[in-house]
Amino acid sequence: MAAGPYREPTPPRRRRPRIHKKREGAIKPGATKNDINVTPLVDVVLVLLIIFMVVTPMLHRGVHVDLPVTQNHEKKQDTGEQLVVSVRCEKFAAKNDCETSAAYIETDKIANDELVARVRKELKGARPVHVRADKSLHYGDVRKVLEKIHDAGAQNVGMGTDEAKE
């Protein structure tokens, strides 16, 4: 008789185990697998590699600076050997008019009188210098920093700009 909504279902019948007690000694367990499954590890490593490949070009050294925009933009890869000098506007006098500027080597703020000595110390031979200047600065403020870098003995100096979007 079938189980209805008001009737209790019949309990399932118990089946006999397929392996009989007599043959239990003859059956051997399967060999254990000693290999590590490498597929999930490779998947994780590839995902991390893709993340680093996407994020790395977006990283820049030095302090955050709004770079000026240029039409004829030449891209050079940051190899890590360049000395990054950033010039940033510290205090605004009026709207988008810079009153005072500050120079940074990598992320360290450098006083104006110490800039020549610090750049000379950081150069260590023919190391190129990459200058990143805020677009709100006056040209004269950036020129003072460029002259101090030249006085320190820098031979190869480049200016950082952003590429104009079409």
C-alpha atoms as a PDB file:
ATOM      1  CA  MET A   1       0.000   0.000   0.000  1.00  0.00           C
ATOM      2  CA  ALA A   2       1.333   3.437  -0.879  1.00  0.00           C
ATOM      3  CA  ALA A   3       2.033   6.018   1.746  1.00  0.00           C
ATOM      4  CA  GLY A   4      -0.580   8.742   1.711  1.00  0.00           C
ATOM      5  CA  PRO A   5      -0.777  12.089   3.459  1.00  0.00           C
ATOM      6  CA  TYR A   6      -2.280  10.490   6.561  1.00  0.00           C
ATOM      7  CA  ARG A   7      -0.337   7.295   6.627  1.00  0.00           C
ATOM      8  CA  GLU A   8       3.132   6.712   7.906  1.00  0.00           C
ATOM      9  CA  PRO A   9       5.714   5.627   5.338  1.00  0.00           C
ATOM     10  CA  THR A  10       7.018   2.111   5.614  1.00  0.00           C
ATOM     11  CA  PRO A  11      10.594   1.927   6.862  1.00  0.00           C
ATOM     12  CA  PRO A  12      13.149   0.959   4.206  1.00  0.00           C
ATOM     13  CA  ARG A  13      14.311  -2.635   4.289  1.00  0.00           C
ATOM     14  CA  ARG A  14      17.841  -3.284   5.390  1.00  0.00           C
ATOM     15  CA  ARG A  15      20.058  -4.797   2.756  1.00  0.00           C
ATOM     16  CA  ARG A  16      22.813  -7.174   3.442  1.00  0.00           C
ATOM     17  CA  PRO A  17      26.341  -5.822   3.008  1.00  0.00           C
ATOM     18  CA  ARG A  18      27.861  -6.870  -0.274  1.00  0.00           C
ATOM     19  CA  ILE A  19      31.118  -7.954   1.300  1.00  0.00           C
ATOM     20  CA  HIS A  20      30.667 -11.074   3.338  1.00  0.00           C
ATOM     21  CA  LYS A  21      32.497 -11.617   6.560  1.00  0.00           C
ATOM     22  CA  LYS A  22      34.306 -14.634   5.097  1.00  0.00           C
ATOM     23  CA  ARG A  23      35.920 -12.640   2.284  1.00  0.00           C
ATOM     24  CA  GLU A  24      36.776  -9.547   4.323  1.00  0.00           C
ATOM     25  CA  GLY A  25      40.424 -10.600   4.797  1.00  0.00           C
ATOM     26  CA  ALA A  26      40.991 -11.124   1.068  1.00  0.00           C
ATOM     27  CA  ILE A  27      39.917  -7.607   0.136  1.00  0.00           C
ATOM     28  CA  LYS A  28      42.786  -5.125   0.224  1.00  0.00           C
ATOM     29  CA  PRO A  29      42.276  -1.388   0.651  1.00  0.00           C
ATOM     30  CA  GLY A  30      43.141   0.832  -2.310  1.00  0.00           C
ATOM     31  CA  ALA A  31      46.619   2.312  -2.533  1.00  0.00           C
ATOM     32  CA  THR A  32      46.941   5.711  -0.899  1.00  0.00           C
ATOM     33  CA  LYS A  33      47.685   8.597  -3.228  1.00  0.00           C
ATOM     34  CA  ASN A  34      50.845  10.419  -2.184  1.00  0.00           C
ATOM     35  CA  ASP A  35      50.750  13.078  -4.924  1.00  0.00           C
ATOM     36  CA  ILE A  36      49.722  16.643  -4.216  1.00  0.00           C
ATOM     37  CA  ASN A  37      47.074  18.035  -6.519  1.00  0.00           C
ATOM     38  CA  VAL A  38      48.882  20.962  -8.128  1.00  0.00           C
ATOM     39  CA  THR A  39      46.016  22.282 -10.252  1.00  0.00           C
ATOM     40  CA  PRO A  40      44.449  24.543  -7.570  1.00  0.00           C
ATOM     41  CA  LEU A  41      47.901  25.863  -6.687  1.00  0.00           C
ATOM     42  CA  VAL A  42      48.604  26.738 -10.330  1.00  0.00           C
ATOM     43  CA  ASP A  43      45.204  28.457 -10.590  1.00  0.00           C
ATOM     44  CA  VAL A  44      45.929  30.633  -7.565  1.00  0.00           C
ATOM     45  CA  VAL A  45      49.419  31.527  -8.800  1.00  0.00           C
ATOM     46  CA  LEU A  46      48.093  32.497 -12.241  1.00  0.00           C
ATOM     47  CA  VAL A  47      45.389  34.703 -10.713  1.00  0.00           C
ATOM     48  CA  LEU A  48      47.999  36.457  -8.553  1.00  0.00           C
ATOM     49  CA  LEU A  49      50.237  36.915 -11.601  1.00  0.00           C
ATOM     50  CA  ILE A  50      47.390  38.518 -13.552  1.00  0.00           C
ATOM     51  CA  ILE A  51      46.576  40.834 -10.632  1.00  0.00           C
ATOM     52  CA  PHE A  52      50.192  41.992 -10.388  1.00  0.00           C
ATOM     53  CA  MET A  53      50.416  42.484 -14.154  1.00  0.00           C
ATOM     54  CA  VAL A  54      47.338  44.718 -14.079  1.00  0.00           C
ATOM     55  CA  VAL A  55      48.255  46.701 -10.949  1.00  0.00           C
ATOM     56  CA  THR A  56      51.987  47.260 -11.561  1.00  0.00           C
ATOM     57  CA  PRO A  57      51.689  49.760 -14.450  1.00  0.00           C
ATOM     58  CA  MET A  58      49.370  51.910 -12.326  1.00  0.00           C
ATOM     59  CA  LEU A  59      51.913  52.307  -9.547  1.00  0.00           C
ATOM     60  CA  HIS A  60      54.196  55.318  -9.576  1.00  0.00           C
ATOM     61  CA  ARG A  61      56.958  56.322  -7.273  1.00  0.00           C
ATOM     62  CA  GLY A  62      57.153  59.600  -5.400  1.00  0.00           C
ATOM     63  CA  VAL A  63      54.348  61.706  -3.978  1.00  0.00           C
ATOM     64  CA  HIS A  64      51.077  62.316  -5.800  1.00  0.00           C
ATOM     65  CA  VAL A  65      51.405  65.171  -8.278  1.00  0.00           C
ATOM     66  CA  ASP A  66      48.977  66.456 -10.940  1.00  0.00           C
ATOM     67  CA  LEU A  67      51.284  66.367 -13.943  1.00  0.00           C
ATOM     68  CA  PRO A  68      50.931  68.750 -16.902  1.00  0.00           C
ATOM     69  CA  VAL A  69      49.385  67.317 -20.073  1.00  0.00           C
ATOM     70  CA  THR A  70      51.372  67.201 -23.334  1.00  0.00           C
ATOM     71  CA  GLN A  71      50.524  66.267 -26.925  1.00  0.00           C
ATOM     72  CA  ASN A  72      53.800  64.612 -27.965  1.00  0.00           C
ATOM     73  CA  HIS A  73      54.192  62.276 -25.039  1.00  0.00           C
ATOM     74  CA  GLU A  74      57.152  59.866 -24.981  1.00  0.00           C
ATOM     75  CA  LYS A  75      56.711  56.928 -22.646  1.00  0.00           C
ATOM     76  CA  LYS A  76      59.714  55.475 -20.829  1.00  0.00           C
ATOM     77  CA  GLN A  77      59.554  52.474 -18.558  1.00  0.00           C
ATOM     78  CA  ASP A  78      60.366  53.069 -14.885  1.00  0.00           C
ATOM     79  CA  THR A  79      63.265  50.706 -14.247  1.00  0.00           C
ATOM     80  CA  GLY A  80      63.674  51.729 -10.625  1.00  0.00           C
ATOM     81  CA  GLU A  81      67.144  53.158 -11.131  1.00  0.00           C
ATOM     82  CA  GLN A  82      65.892  56.695 -11.746  1.00  0.00           C
ATOM     83  CA  LEU A  83      65.933  59.191  -8.919  1.00  0.00           C
ATOM     84  CA  VAL A  84      62.413  60.613  -8.671  1.00  0.00           C
ATOM     85  CA  VAL A  85      62.243  64.266  -7.589  1.00  0.00           C
ATOM     86  CA  SER A  86      58.716  65.625  -7.158  1.00  0.00           C
ATOM     87  CA  VAL A  87      57.832  69.302  -6.833  1.00  0.00           C
ATOM     88  CA  ARG A  88      54.434  69.859  -5.294  1.00  0.00           C
ATOM     89  CA  CYS A  89      52.356  72.881  -4.417  1.00  0.00           C
ATOM     90  CA  GLU A  90      52.077  73.144  -0.631  1.00  0.00           C
ATOM     91  CA  LYS A  91      49.897  76.202  -0.122  1.00  0.00           C
ATOM     92  CA  PHE A  92      47.408  77.860  -2.444  1.00  0.00           C
ATOM     93  CA  ALA A  93      47.113  81.666  -2.370  1.00  0.00           C
ATOM     94  CA  ALA A  94      44.055  81.870  -4.596  1.00  0.00           C
ATOM     95  CA  LYS A  95      42.067  79.442  -6.679  1.00  0.00           C
ATOM     96  CA  ASN A  96      44.579  77.226  -8.592  1.00  0.00           C
ATOM     97  CA  ASP A  97      47.429  79.651  -7.833  1.00  0.00           C
ATOM     98  CA  CYS A  98      50.334  78.181  -5.900  1.00  0.00           C
ATOM     99  CA  GLU A  99      51.995  80.258  -3.184  1.00  0.00           C
ATOM    100  CA  THR A 100      54.714  77.888  -1.911  1.00  0.00           C
ATOM    101  CA  SER A 101      56.242  74.714  -3.305  1.00  0.00           C
ATOM    102  CA  ALA A 102      58.127  71.817  -1.740  1.00  0.00           C
ATOM    103  CA  ALA A 103      60.559  69.303  -3.229  1.00  0.00           C
ATOM    104  CA  TYR A 104      60.479  65.584  -2.477  1.00  0.00           C
ATOM    105  CA  ILE A 105      63.016  62.872  -3.231  1.00  0.00           C
ATOM    106  CA  GLU A 106      60.937  59.709  -3.612  1.00  0.00           C
ATOM    107  CA  THR A 107      58.567  60.368  -0.640  1.00  0.00           C
ATOM    108  CA  ASP A 108      60.916  62.326   1.650  1.00  0.00           C
ATOM    109  CA  LYS A 109      60.309  66.064   1.903  1.00  0.00           C
ATOM    110  CA  ILE A 110      63.559  67.960   1.401  1.00  0.00           C
ATOM    111  CA  ALA A 111      64.280  71.525   2.513  1.00  0.00           C
ATOM    112  CA  ASN A 112      65.427  73.885  -0.273  1.00  0.00           C
ATOM    113  CA  ASP A 113      68.903  74.375   1.223  1.00  0.00           C
ATOM    114  CA  GLU A 114      69.458  70.597   1.564  1.00  0.00           C
ATOM    115  CA  LEU A 115      68.305  69.676  -1.939  1.00  0.00           C
ATOM    116  CA  VAL A 116      71.725  69.952  -3.661  1.00  0.00           C
ATOM    117  CA  ALA A 117      73.502  67.845  -1.030  1.00  0.00           C
ATOM    118  CA  ARG A 118      70.776  65.199  -0.944  1.00  0.00           C
ATOM    119  CA  VAL A 119      70.585  64.876  -4.746  1.00  0.00           C
ATOM    120  CA  ARG A 120      74.391  64.624  -4.912  1.00  0.00           C
ATOM    121  CA  LYS A 121      74.273  61.857  -2.287  1.00  0.00           C
ATOM    122  CA  GLU A 122      71.485  59.965  -4.096  1.00  0.00           C
ATOM    123  CA  LEU A 123      72.978  60.210  -7.604  1.00  0.00           C
ATOM    124  CA  LYS A 124      75.826  57.693  -7.139  1.00  0.00           C
ATOM    125  CA  GLY A 125      77.358  58.081 -10.582  1.00  0.00           C
ATOM    126  CA  ALA A 126      75.405  58.613 -13.784  1.00  0.00           C
ATOM    127  CA  ARG A 127      71.962  57.878 -12.373  1.00  0.00           C
ATOM    128  CA  PRO A 128      69.140  59.548 -14.345  1.00  0.00           C
ATOM    129  CA  VAL A 129      66.836  62.002 -12.556  1.00  0.00           C
ATOM    130  CA  HIS A 130      63.102  62.095 -13.218  1.00  0.00           C
ATOM    131  CA  VAL A 131      61.417  65.379 -12.205  1.00  0.00           C
ATOM    132  CA  ARG A 132      57.652  65.354 -11.624  1.00  0.00           C
ATOM    133  CA  ALA A 133      56.214  68.848 -11.113  1.00  0.00           C
ATOM    134  CA  ASP A 134      52.658  69.865 -10.248  1.00  0.00           C
ATOM    135  CA  LYS A 135      50.842  71.633 -13.074  1.00  0.00           C
ATOM    136  CA  SER A 136      49.625  74.376 -10.712  1.00  0.00           C
ATOM    137  CA  LEU A 137      53.218  75.550 -10.073  1.00  0.00           C
ATOM    138  CA  HIS A 138      54.793  78.536 -11.807  1.00  0.00           C
ATOM    139  CA  TYR A 139      57.649  77.762 -14.157  1.00  0.00           C
ATOM    140  CA  GLY A 140      60.062  79.748 -11.974  1.00  0.00           C
ATOM    141  CA  ASP A 141      59.452  77.453  -8.992  1.00  0.00           C
ATOM    142  CA  VAL A 142      60.237  74.361 -11.044  1.00  0.00           C
ATOM    143  CA  ARG A 143      63.258  76.029 -12.644  1.00  0.00           C
ATOM    144  CA  LYS A 144      64.811  76.688  -9.209  1.00  0.00           C
ATOM    145  CA  VAL A 145      64.583  72.969  -8.427  1.00  0.00           C
ATOM    146  CA  LEU A 146      65.986  72.064 -11.855  1.00  0.00           C
ATOM    147  CA  GLU A 147      68.951  74.420 -11.300  1.00  0.00           C
ATOM    148  CA  LYS A 148      69.670  72.805  -7.917  1.00  0.00           C
ATOM    149  CA  ILE A 149      69.564  69.353  -9.522  1.00  0.00           C
ATOM    150  CA  HIS A 150      71.991  70.587 -12.186  1.00  0.00           C
ATOM    151  CA  ASP A 151      74.273  72.056  -9.483  1.00  0.00           C
ATOM    152  CA  ALA A 152      74.315  68.630  -7.801  1.00  0.00           C
ATOM    153  CA  GLY A 153      75.896  67.178 -10.949  1.00  0.00           C
ATOM    154  CA  ALA A 154      72.977  65.391 -12.633  1.00  0.00           C
ATOM    155  CA  GLN A 155      73.717  64.652 -16.290  1.00  0.00           C
ATOM    156  CA  ASN A 156      70.454  63.058 -17.427  1.00  0.00           C
ATOM    157  CA  VAL A 157      67.289  64.890 -16.283  1.00  0.00           C
ATOM    158  CA  GLY A 158      63.789  64.176 -17.605  1.00  0.00           C
ATOM    159  CA  MET A 159      60.434  65.829 -16.932  1.00  0.00           C
ATOM    160  CA  GLY A 160      57.295  63.842 -16.236  1.00  0.00           C
ATOM    161  CA  THR A 161      54.038  64.628 -18.072  1.00  0.00           C
ATOM    162  CA  ASP A 162      50.702  62.954 -18.697  1.00  0.00           C
ATOM    163  CA  GLU A 163      49.544  62.070 -22.188  1.00  0.00           C
ATOM    164  CA  ALA A 164      46.663  64.097 -23.653  1.00  0.00           C
ATOM    165  CA  LYS A 165      43.560  61.927 -24.096  1.00  0.00           C
ATOM    166  CA  GLU A 166      41.817  62.187 -27.447  1.00  0.00           C
END
